[in-house]
Each structure stands twice: as C-alpha cells, then as structure tokens.
Amino acid sequence: GYLRKALIDAGMKQVPILSLNASDMERQPGFKLTKGFLHRMIQAVVYGDALMQCVLATRPYETNPGSTDALCDYWIKKLRDNITSASLRQYNKYIKEI
C-alpha cells in the first residue's frame, strides 16, 4: 500500500508495518499477533488516550511549571508495569484513578 511505498521511498524498507485491518494484513516474519498482545495493545492505547486528555486539560492551569509532566511520568511508569502483567482488575482501577 501507500505506507509501504512511502517507507521504501524514504529508504526504510526494513521497517515493519503493523496493520490493524485484518482483511489486508501484511505478513511479518517473526511477528505473531496473539490475543494477549492485542489485549495489552488496547490497554496501552486507552491508557495513553486517557492520560493525554488529562495532561492537555491540566497543563494550562498548573501553578508549578513541570508538575503536570512529573505526574504524567509517574503514571507512565505505573501503567507500564500494569500493561506487562495484563491485570484487568488493576487496569480498571487505574483508569478510574487517572
């Protein structure tokens, strides 16, 4: 597709493309899309979206410059551990806390 052509034109033909469109998915040697991987990927996307919404809504009102970024870094570390363990209970708890 167009993305593959753009990568080739940019001299990066070795960069793999992960398509979420199952009907036109490019085969990747050594890469297997498992149920667990998809679960963690969706968690990461939702976490990232929720975190960025909070950061963008909070930063203009911060009284101590950099405090929003510090809190964001704290949550990124905390969420990274949860994505690795894939605990649904912890996921739900963190989404509410964010």
Protein backbone atom coordinates (compact mmCIF):
# COMPACT_ATOMS: atom_id res chain seq x y z
CA GLY A 1 0.00 0.00 0.00
CA TYR A 2 0.87 3.66 0.26
CA LEU A 3 2.58 3.35 3.63
CA ARG A 4 4.93 0.63 2.36
CA LYS A 5 5.74 2.74 -0.74
CA ALA A 6 6.45 5.80 1.43
CA LEU A 7 8.83 3.78 3.62
CA ILE A 8 10.64 2.37 0.59
CA ASP A 9 10.92 5.87 -0.94
CA ALA A 10 12.35 7.13 2.36
CA GLY A 11 14.96 4.36 2.32
CA MET A 12 13.38 2.46 5.20
CA LYS A 13 12.09 -0.69 3.54
CA GLN A 14 13.21 -2.77 6.56
CA VAL A 15 10.66 -1.05 8.87
CA PRO A 16 7.75 -3.43 9.55
CA ILE A 17 4.16 -2.24 9.20
CA LEU A 18 1.57 -3.47 11.66
CA SER A 19 -1.88 -3.15 10.14
CA LEU A 20 -4.96 -3.47 12.32
CA ASN A 21 -7.04 -4.15 9.22
CA ALA A 22 -7.36 -7.94 9.37
CA SER A 23 -8.52 -8.32 5.75
CA ASP A 24 -5.41 -6.68 4.31
CA MET A 25 -2.82 -7.57 6.92
CA GLU A 26 0.76 -7.70 5.73
CA ARG A 27 2.61 -10.83 6.83
CA GLN A 28 5.53 -10.17 9.16
CA PRO A 29 8.12 -12.90 9.68
CA GLY A 30 8.76 -13.49 13.38
CA PHE A 31 5.70 -11.50 14.44
CA LYS A 32 2.57 -13.20 15.67
CA LEU A 33 -0.50 -11.22 16.67
CA THR A 34 -1.84 -13.07 19.71
CA LYS A 35 -4.92 -12.45 21.84
CA GLY A 36 -2.73 -11.42 24.78
CA PHE A 37 -0.75 -8.97 22.66
CA LEU A 38 -3.94 -7.39 21.29
CA HIS A 39 -5.31 -7.11 24.84
CA ARG A 40 -2.18 -5.31 26.06
CA MET A 41 -2.10 -3.11 22.97
CA ILE A 42 -5.69 -1.97 23.51
CA GLN A 43 -4.95 -1.31 27.18
CA ALA A 44 -1.94 0.81 26.21
CA VAL A 45 -3.97 2.83 23.69
CA VAL A 46 -6.75 3.53 26.20
CA TYR A 47 -4.24 4.39 28.94
CA GLY A 48 -2.37 6.72 26.61
CA ASP A 49 -5.53 8.45 25.45
CA ALA A 50 -6.86 8.95 29.00
CA LEU A 51 -3.50 10.19 30.23
CA MET A 52 -3.06 12.67 27.37
CA GLN A 53 -6.58 14.04 27.83
CA CYS A 54 -5.77 14.73 31.48
CA VAL A 55 -2.36 16.23 30.70
CA LEU A 56 -3.71 18.55 28.00
CA ALA A 57 -6.62 19.66 30.19
CA THR A 58 -4.40 20.26 33.25
CA ARG A 59 -1.19 21.81 31.91
CA PRO A 60 -2.62 25.30 31.18
CA TYR A 61 -3.69 25.61 34.82
CA GLU A 62 -0.62 24.25 36.62
CA THR A 63 0.79 26.56 39.29
CA ASN A 64 4.20 24.87 39.41
CA PRO A 65 5.68 24.59 35.90
CA GLY A 66 6.55 20.97 35.14
CA SER A 67 4.26 19.44 37.76
CA THR A 68 1.90 18.07 35.10
CA ASP A 69 4.80 16.41 33.27
CA ALA A 70 6.12 14.96 36.54
CA LEU A 71 2.72 13.47 37.32
CA CYS A 72 2.45 12.14 33.77
CA ASP A 73 5.86 10.45 34.11
CA TYR A 74 4.74 8.89 37.41
CA TRP A 75 1.65 7.43 35.74
CA ILE A 76 3.57 6.19 32.70
CA LYS A 77 5.85 4.13 34.96
CA LYS A 78 2.90 2.83 36.95
CA LEU A 79 0.90 1.93 33.83
CA ARG A 80 3.85 0.27 32.10
CA ASP A 81 4.02 -2.31 34.88
CA ASN A 82 0.30 -3.00 34.60
CA ILE A 83 0.42 -3.48 30.83
CA THR A 84 3.17 -6.05 31.29
CA SER A 85 1.13 -8.01 33.85
CA ALA A 86 -2.17 -7.50 31.95
CA SER A 87 -4.25 -7.42 35.15
CA LEU A 88 -7.81 -6.42 34.24
CA ARG A 89 -8.68 -5.54 37.84
CA GLN A 90 -5.67 -3.21 38.09
CA TYR A 91 -6.47 -1.77 34.66
CA ASN A 92 -9.99 -0.80 35.74
CA LYS A 93 -8.66 0.68 38.99
CA TYR A 94 -6.04 2.80 37.20
CA ILE A 95 -8.49 4.08 34.58
CA LYS A 96 -10.69 5.39 37.41
CA GLU A 97 -7.69 6.90 39.22
CA ILE A 98 -6.39 8.72 36.16
